[in-house]
């Protein structure tokens, strides 16, 4: 859901920036392009963070399956 919102915001800022640059020039609409770029960079950041999280979960799962369980000794 975060990525959907960020894509929508990034596209909206970019379209508004293009529109404003036609009327006022690029220096006046530069901040809109920077907000658009920041949204797209955040998408990449969250995507990378989610991939690392999935790898860690998979690694933990594999470690739990591959480690032998200790058998309890019976008391005499």
PDB file of N, CA and C in Angstrom:
ATOM      1  N   UNK A   1       0.816  -1.186   0.000  1.00  0.00           N
ATOM      2  CA  UNK A   1       0.000   0.000   0.000  1.00  0.00           C
ATOM      3  C   UNK A   1       0.865   1.257   0.000  1.00  0.00           C
ATOM      4  N   UNK A   2       2.004   1.207   0.723  1.00  0.00           N
ATOM      5  CA  UNK A   2       2.901   2.354   0.736  1.00  0.00           C
ATOM      6  C   UNK A   2       3.395   2.668  -0.661  1.00  0.00           C
ATOM      7  N   UNK A   3       3.754   1.626  -1.390  1.00  0.00           N
ATOM      8  CA  UNK A   3       4.317   1.860  -2.723  1.00  0.00           C
ATOM      9  C   UNK A   3       3.270   2.441  -3.670  1.00  0.00           C
ATOM     10  N   UNK A   4       2.026   2.032  -3.536  1.00  0.00           N
ATOM     11  CA  UNK A   4       0.963   2.569  -4.387  1.00  0.00           C
ATOM     12  C   UNK A   4       0.777   4.063  -4.134  1.00  0.00           C
ATOM     13  N   UNK A   5       0.767   4.448  -2.872  1.00  0.00           N
ATOM     14  CA  UNK A   5       0.612   5.857  -2.528  1.00  0.00           C
ATOM     15  C   UNK A   5       1.811   6.660  -3.020  1.00  0.00           C
ATOM     16  N   UNK A   6       3.019   6.106  -2.851  1.00  0.00           N
ATOM     17  CA  UNK A   6       4.211   6.817  -3.291  1.00  0.00           C
ATOM     18  C   UNK A   6       4.262   6.955  -4.807  1.00  0.00           C
ATOM     19  N   UNK A   7       3.818   5.940  -5.544  1.00  0.00           N
ATOM     20  CA  UNK A   7       3.774   6.047  -7.003  1.00  0.00           C
ATOM     21  C   UNK A   7       2.801   7.135  -7.425  1.00  0.00           C
ATOM     22  N   UNK A   8       1.633   7.156  -6.789  1.00  0.00           N
ATOM     23  CA  UNK A   8       0.631   8.168  -7.127  1.00  0.00           C
ATOM     24  C   UNK A   8       1.143   9.576  -6.814  1.00  0.00           C
ATOM     25  N   UNK A   9       1.767   9.741  -5.650  1.00  0.00           N
ATOM     26  CA  UNK A   9       2.305  11.051  -5.292  1.00  0.00           C
ATOM     27  C   UNK A   9       3.438  11.467  -6.226  1.00  0.00           C
ATOM     28  N   UNK A  10       4.323  10.526  -6.526  1.00  0.00           N
ATOM     29  CA  UNK A  10       5.434  10.833  -7.416  1.00  0.00           C
ATOM     30  C   UNK A  10       4.962  11.246  -8.796  1.00  0.00           C
ATOM     31  N   UNK A  11       3.997  10.531  -9.326  1.00  0.00           N
ATOM     32  CA  UNK A  11       3.461  10.870 -10.648  1.00  0.00           C
ATOM     33  C   UNK A  11       2.738  12.215 -10.607  1.00  0.00           C
ATOM     34  N   UNK A  12       1.973  12.458  -9.552  1.00  0.00           N
ATOM     35  CA  UNK A  12       1.249  13.723  -9.441  1.00  0.00           C
ATOM     36  C   UNK A  12       2.212  14.900  -9.333  1.00  0.00           C
ATOM     37  N   UNK A  13       3.238  14.779  -8.493  1.00  0.00           N
ATOM     38  CA  UNK A  13       4.218  15.855  -8.375  1.00  0.00           C
ATOM     39  C   UNK A  13       4.932  16.097  -9.706  1.00  0.00           C
ATOM     40  N   UNK A  14       5.244  15.035 -10.420  1.00  0.00           N
ATOM     41  CA  UNK A  14       5.930  15.191 -11.699  1.00  0.00           C
ATOM     42  C   UNK A  14       5.035  15.900 -12.718  1.00  0.00           C
ATOM     43  N   UNK A  15       3.772  15.484 -12.807  1.00  0.00           N
ATOM     44  CA  UNK A  15       2.849  16.099 -13.774  1.00  0.00           C
ATOM     45  C   UNK A  15       2.610  17.567 -13.428  1.00  0.00           C
ATOM     46  N   UNK A  16       2.435  17.853 -12.147  1.00  0.00           N
ATOM     47  CA  UNK A  16       2.246  19.240 -11.735  1.00  0.00           C
ATOM     48  C   UNK A  16       3.510  20.047 -12.015  1.00  0.00           C
ATOM     49  N   UNK A  17       4.679  19.440 -11.789  1.00  0.00           N
ATOM     50  CA  UNK A  17       5.944  20.117 -12.069  1.00  0.00           C
ATOM     51  C   UNK A  17       6.098  20.453 -13.542  1.00  0.00           C
ATOM     52  N   UNK A  18       5.719  19.536 -14.421  1.00  0.00           N
ATOM     53  CA  UNK A  18       5.792  19.805 -15.859  1.00  0.00           C
ATOM     54  C   UNK A  18       4.845  20.943 -16.220  1.00  0.00           C
ATOM     55  N   UNK A  19       3.654  20.897 -15.688  1.00  0.00           N
ATOM     56  CA  UNK A  19       2.674  21.957 -15.959  1.00  0.00           C
ATOM     57  C   UNK A  19       3.196  23.310 -15.480  1.00  0.00           C
ATOM     58  N   UNK A  20       3.710  23.352 -14.270  1.00  0.00           N
ATOM     59  CA  UNK A  20       4.203  24.609 -13.716  1.00  0.00           C
ATOM     60  C   UNK A  20       5.448  25.109 -14.457  1.00  0.00           C
ATOM     61  N   UNK A  21       6.255  24.199 -14.969  1.00  0.00           N
ATOM     62  CA  UNK A  21       7.448  24.633 -15.694  1.00  0.00           C
ATOM     63  C   UNK A  21       7.097  25.286 -17.028  1.00  0.00           C
ATOM     64  N   UNK A  22       5.968  24.918 -17.623  1.00  0.00           N
ATOM     65  CA  UNK A  22       5.527  25.588 -18.850  1.00  0.00           C
ATOM     66  C   UNK A  22       5.166  27.053 -18.578  1.00  0.00           C
ATOM     67  N   UNK A  23       4.539  27.307 -17.431  1.00  0.00           N
ATOM     68  CA  UNK A  23       4.069  28.655 -17.129  1.00  0.00           C
ATOM     69  C   UNK A  23       5.099  29.515 -16.401  1.00  0.00           C
ATOM     70  N   UNK A  24       5.840  28.911 -15.462  1.00  0.00           N
ATOM     71  CA  UNK A  24       6.732  29.699 -14.616  1.00  0.00           C
ATOM     72  C   UNK A  24       8.212  29.372 -14.807  1.00  0.00           C
ATOM     73  N   UNK A  25       8.520  28.350 -15.541  1.00  0.00           N
ATOM     74  CA  UNK A  25       9.912  27.956 -15.749  1.00  0.00           C
ATOM     75  C   UNK A  25      10.341  26.866 -14.780  1.00  0.00           C
ATOM     76  N   UNK A  26      11.421  26.205 -15.140  1.00  0.00           N
ATOM     77  CA  UNK A  26      11.924  25.090 -14.329  1.00  0.00           C
ATOM     78  C   UNK A  26      12.417  25.536 -12.953  1.00  0.00           C
ATOM     79  N   UNK A  27      13.110  26.681 -12.842  1.00  0.00           N
ATOM     80  CA  UNK A  27      13.571  27.067 -11.496  1.00  0.00           C
ATOM     81  C   UNK A  27      12.433  27.244 -10.484  1.00  0.00           C
ATOM     82  N   UNK A  28      11.272  27.680 -10.936  1.00  0.00           N
ATOM     83  CA  UNK A  28      10.147  27.876 -10.024  1.00  0.00           C
ATOM     84  C   UNK A  28       9.438  26.563  -9.677  1.00  0.00           C
ATOM     85  N   UNK A  29       9.572  25.558 -10.532  1.00  0.00           N
ATOM     86  CA  UNK A  29       8.898  24.277 -10.278  1.00  0.00           C
ATOM     87  C   UNK A  29       9.881  23.167  -9.910  1.00  0.00           C
ATOM     88  N   UNK A  30      11.117  23.559  -9.639  1.00  0.00           N
ATOM     89  CA  UNK A  30      12.162  22.583  -9.304  1.00  0.00           C
ATOM     90  C   UNK A  30      11.795  21.750  -8.081  1.00  0.00           C
ATOM     91  N   UNK A  31      11.199  22.385  -7.088  1.00  0.00           N
ATOM     92  CA  UNK A  31      10.857  21.686  -5.846  1.00  0.00           C
ATOM     93  C   UNK A  31       9.849  20.564  -6.096  1.00  0.00           C
ATOM     94  N   UNK A  32       8.976  20.739  -7.091  1.00  0.00           N
ATOM     95  CA  UNK A  32       8.026  19.671  -7.416  1.00  0.00           C
ATOM     96  C   UNK A  32       8.740  18.463  -8.008  1.00  0.00           C
ATOM     97  N   UNK A  33       9.733  18.726  -8.848  1.00  0.00           N
ATOM     98  CA  UNK A  33      10.501  17.616  -9.419  1.00  0.00           C
ATOM     99  C   UNK A  33      11.301  16.900  -8.338  1.00  0.00           C
ATOM    100  N   UNK A  34      11.799  17.650  -7.355  1.00  0.00           N
ATOM    101  CA  UNK A  34      12.551  17.027  -6.262  1.00  0.00           C
ATOM    102  C   UNK A  34      11.639  16.166  -5.383  1.00  0.00           C
ATOM    103  N   UNK A  35      10.417  16.633  -5.138  1.00  0.00           N
ATOM    104  CA  UNK A  35       9.469  15.812  -4.380  1.00  0.00           C
ATOM    105  C   UNK A  35       9.121  14.541  -5.151  1.00  0.00           C
ATOM    106  N   UNK A  36       8.979  14.662  -6.448  1.00  0.00           N
ATOM    107  CA  UNK A  36       8.698  13.497  -7.281  1.00  0.00           C
ATOM    108  C   UNK A  36       9.851  12.497  -7.204  1.00  0.00           C
ATOM    109  N   UNK A  37      11.051  12.992  -7.332  1.00  0.00           N
ATOM    110  CA  UNK A  37      12.228  12.123  -7.238  1.00  0.00           C
ATOM    111  C   UNK A  37      12.346  11.472  -5.871  1.00  0.00           C
ATOM    112  N   UNK A  38      12.029  12.219  -4.825  1.00  0.00           N
ATOM    113  CA  UNK A  38      12.092  11.659  -3.469  1.00  0.00           C
ATOM    114  C   UNK A  38      11.083  10.524  -3.297  1.00  0.00           C
ATOM    115  N   UNK A  39       9.897  10.687  -3.882  1.00  0.00           N
ATOM    116  CA  UNK A  39       8.891   9.619  -3.803  1.00  0.00           C
ATOM    117  C   UNK A  39       9.396   8.352  -4.494  1.00  0.00           C
ATOM    118  N   UNK A  40       9.991   8.506  -5.659  1.00  0.00           N
ATOM    119  CA  UNK A  40      10.477   7.335  -6.379  1.00  0.00           C
ATOM    120  C   UNK A  40      11.678   6.693  -5.682  1.00  0.00           C
ATOM    121  N   UNK A  41      12.509   7.500  -5.047  1.00  0.00           N
ATOM    122  CA  UNK A  41      13.616   6.931  -4.277  1.00  0.00           C
ATOM    123  C   UNK A  41      13.107   6.181  -3.042  1.00  0.00           C
ATOM    124  N   UNK A  42      12.064   6.715  -2.413  1.00  0.00           N
ATOM    125  CA  UNK A  42      11.481   6.014  -1.261  1.00  0.00           C
ATOM    126  C   UNK A  42      10.881   4.670  -1.662  1.00  0.00           C
ATOM    127  N   UNK A  43      10.315   4.609  -2.857  1.00  0.00           N
ATOM    128  CA  UNK A  43       9.783   3.332  -3.350  1.00  0.00           C
ATOM    129  C   UNK A  43      10.904   2.307  -3.421  1.00  0.00           C
ATOM    130  N   UNK A  44      12.040   2.705  -3.989  1.00  0.00           N
ATOM    131  CA  UNK A  44      13.179   1.797  -4.101  1.00  0.00           C
ATOM    132  C   UNK A  44      13.702   1.395  -2.722  1.00  0.00           C
ATOM    133  N   UNK A  45      13.753   2.352  -1.802  1.00  0.00           N
ATOM    134  CA  UNK A  45      14.226   2.066  -0.452  1.00  0.00           C
ATOM    135  C   UNK A  45      13.341   1.035   0.242  1.00  0.00           C
ATOM    136  N   UNK A  46      12.016   1.233   0.186  1.00  0.00           N
ATOM    137  CA  UNK A  46      11.105   0.303   0.838  1.00  0.00           C
ATOM    138  C   UNK A  46      11.123  -1.063   0.168  1.00  0.00           C
ATOM    139  N   UNK A  47      11.301  -1.097  -1.150  1.00  0.00           N
ATOM    140  CA  UNK A  47      11.367  -2.369  -1.862  1.00  0.00           C
ATOM    141  C   UNK A  47      12.601  -3.154  -1.429  1.00  0.00           C
ATOM    142  N   UNK A  48      13.735  -2.469  -1.319  1.00  0.00           N
ATOM    143  CA  UNK A  48      14.975  -3.117  -0.890  1.00  0.00           C
ATOM    144  C   UNK A  48      14.861  -3.595   0.564  1.00  0.00           C
ATOM    145  N   UNK A  49      14.250  -2.781   1.398  1.00  0.00           N
ATOM    146  CA  UNK A  49      14.073  -3.139   2.805  1.00  0.00           C
ATOM    147  C   UNK A  49      13.194  -4.379   2.949  1.00  0.00           C
ATOM    148  N   UNK A  50      12.124  -4.462   2.156  1.00  0.00           N
ATOM    149  CA  UNK A  50      11.247  -5.628   2.192  1.00  0.00           C
ATOM    150  C   UNK A  50      11.962  -6.883   1.703  1.00  0.00           C
ATOM    151  N   UNK A  51      12.802  -6.748   0.665  1.00  0.00           N
ATOM    152  CA  UNK A  51      13.563  -7.896   0.165  1.00  0.00           C
ATOM    153  C   UNK A  51      14.512  -8.423   1.230  1.00  0.00           C
ATOM    154  N   UNK A  52      15.199  -7.515   1.929  1.00  0.00           N
ATOM    155  CA  UNK A  52      16.116  -7.935   2.992  1.00  0.00           C
ATOM    156  C   UNK A  52      15.360  -8.611   4.128  1.00  0.00           C
ATOM    157  N   UNK A  53      14.191  -8.108   4.431  1.00  0.00           N
ATOM    158  CA  UNK A  53      13.369  -8.701   5.490  1.00  0.00           C
ATOM    159  C   UNK A  53      12.945 -10.115   5.108  1.00  0.00           C
ATOM    160  N   UNK A  54      12.539 -10.304   3.850  1.00  0.00           N
ATOM    161  CA  UNK A  54      12.140 -11.627   3.380  1.00  0.00           C
ATOM    162  C   UNK A  54      13.319 -12.599   3.395  1.00  0.00           C
ATOM    163  N   UNK A  55      14.514 -12.119   3.022  1.00  0.00           N
ATOM    164  CA  UNK A  55      15.704 -12.972   3.047  1.00  0.00           C
ATOM    165  C   UNK A  55      16.024 -13.397   4.474  1.00  0.00           C
ATOM    166  N   UNK A  56      15.891 -12.471   5.423  1.00  0.00           N
ATOM    167  CA  UNK A  56      16.173 -12.796   6.827  1.00  0.00           C
ATOM    168  C   UNK A  56      15.170 -13.821   7.352  1.00  0.00           C
ATOM    169  N   UNK A  57      13.912 -13.669   6.987  1.00  0.00           N
ATOM    170  CA  UNK A  57      12.887 -14.623   7.420  1.00  0.00           C
ATOM    171  C   UNK A  57      13.164 -15.999   6.828  1.00  0.00           C
ATOM    172  N   UNK A  58      13.531 -16.023   5.552  1.00  0.00           N
ATOM    173  CA  UNK A  58      13.829 -17.297   4.898  1.00  0.00           C
ATOM    174  C   UNK A  58      15.059 -17.949   5.516  1.00  0.00           C
ATOM    175  N   UNK A  59      16.065 -17.138   5.826  1.00  0.00           N
ATOM    176  CA  UNK A  59      17.283 -17.661   6.435  1.00  0.00           C
ATOM    177  C   UNK A  59      16.988 -18.246   7.815  1.00  0.00           C
ATOM    178  N   UNK A  60      16.176 -17.552   8.608  1.00  0.00           N
ATOM    179  CA  UNK A  60      15.802 -18.065   9.928  1.00  0.00           C
ATOM    180  C   UNK A  60      15.020 -19.368   9.810  1.00  0.00           C
ATOM    181  N   UNK A  61      14.142 -19.431   8.830  1.00  0.00           N
ATOM    182  CA  UNK A  61      13.343 -20.639   8.620  1.00  0.00           C
ATOM    183  C   UNK A  61      14.243 -21.815   8.245  1.00  0.00           C
ATOM    184  N   UNK A  62      15.208 -21.554   7.336  1.00  0.00           N
ATOM    185  CA  UNK A  62      16.136 -22.605   6.928  1.00  0.00           C
ATOM    186  C   UNK A  62      17.007 -23.058   8.091  1.00  0.00           C
ATOM    187  N   UNK A  63      17.452 -22.118   8.921  1.00  0.00           N
ATOM    188  CA  UNK A  63      18.280 -22.471  10.073  1.00  0.00           C
ATOM    189  C   UNK A  63      17.509 -23.321  11.072  1.00  0.00           C
ATOM    190  N   UNK A  64      16.252 -23.026  11.269  1.00  0.00           N
ATOM    191  CA  UNK A  64      15.441 -23.802  12.210  1.00  0.00           C
ATOM    192  C   UNK A  64      15.212 -25.220  11.703  1.00  0.00           C
ATOM    193  N   UNK A  65      15.068 -25.371  10.388  1.00  0.00           N
ATOM    194  CA  UNK A  65      14.829 -26.693   9.825  1.00  0.00           C
ATOM    195  C   UNK A  65      16.095 -27.534   9.789  1.00  0.00           C
ATOM    196  N   UNK A  66      17.237 -26.904   9.610  1.00  0.00           N
ATOM    197  CA  UNK A  66      18.481 -27.651   9.454  1.00  0.00           C
ATOM    198  C   UNK A  66      19.195 -27.945  10.763  1.00  0.00           C
ATOM    199  N   UNK A  67      18.848 -27.269  11.836  1.00  0.00           N
ATOM    200  CA  UNK A  67      19.539 -27.525  13.098  1.00  0.00           C
ATOM    201  C   UNK A  67      18.925 -28.746  13.776  1.00  0.00           C
ATOM    202  N   UNK A  68      19.770 -29.660  14.213  1.00  0.00           N
ATOM    203  CA  UNK A  68      19.237 -30.840  14.906  1.00  0.00           C
ATOM    204  C   UNK A  68      18.750 -30.438  16.298  1.00  0.00           C
ATOM    205  N   UNK A  69      17.701 -31.066  16.705  1.00  0.00           N
ATOM    206  CA  UNK A  69      17.171 -30.785  18.035  1.00  0.00           C
ATOM    207  C   UNK A  69      17.875 -31.681  19.046  1.00  0.00           C
ATOM    208  N   UNK A  70      18.090 -31.138  20.215  1.00  0.00           N
ATOM    209  CA  UNK A  70      18.746 -31.910  21.272  1.00  0.00           C
ATOM    210  C   UNK A  70      17.721 -32.819  21.931  1.00  0.00           C
ATOM    211  N   UNK A  71      18.150 -34.042  22.164  1.00  0.00           N
ATOM    212  CA  UNK A  71      17.261 -34.980  22.835  1.00  0.00           C
ATOM    213  C   UNK A  71      17.442 -34.829  24.338  1.00  0.00           C
ATOM    214  N   UNK A  72      16.344 -34.886  25.029  1.00  0.00           N
ATOM    215  CA  UNK A  72      16.397 -34.783  26.472  1.00  0.00           C
ATOM    216  C   UNK A  72      16.844 -36.113  27.065  1.00  0.00           C
ATOM    217  N   UNK A  73      17.715 -36.021  28.018  1.00  0.00           N
ATOM    218  CA  UNK A  73      18.185 -37.233  28.690  1.00  0.00           C
ATOM    219  C   UNK A  73      17.219 -37.611  29.792  1.00  0.00           C
ATOM    220  N   UNK A  74      17.066 -38.893  29.914  1.00  0.00           N
ATOM    221  CA  UNK A  74      16.213 -39.374  30.990  1.00  0.00           C
ATOM    222  C   UNK A  74      17.027 -39.423  32.263  1.00  0.00           C
ATOM    223  N   UNK A  75      16.405 -38.979  33.307  1.00  0.00           N
ATOM    224  CA  UNK A  75      17.080 -39.030  34.610  1.00  0.00           C
ATOM    225  C   UNK A  75      17.003 -40.436  35.172  1.00  0.00           C
ATOM    226  N   UNK A  76      18.077 -40.864  35.759  1.00  0.00           N
ATOM    227  CA  UNK A  76      18.135 -42.209  36.315  1.00  0.00           C
ATOM    228  C   UNK A  76      17.792 -42.218  37.771  1.00  0.00           C
TER     229      UNK A  76
END
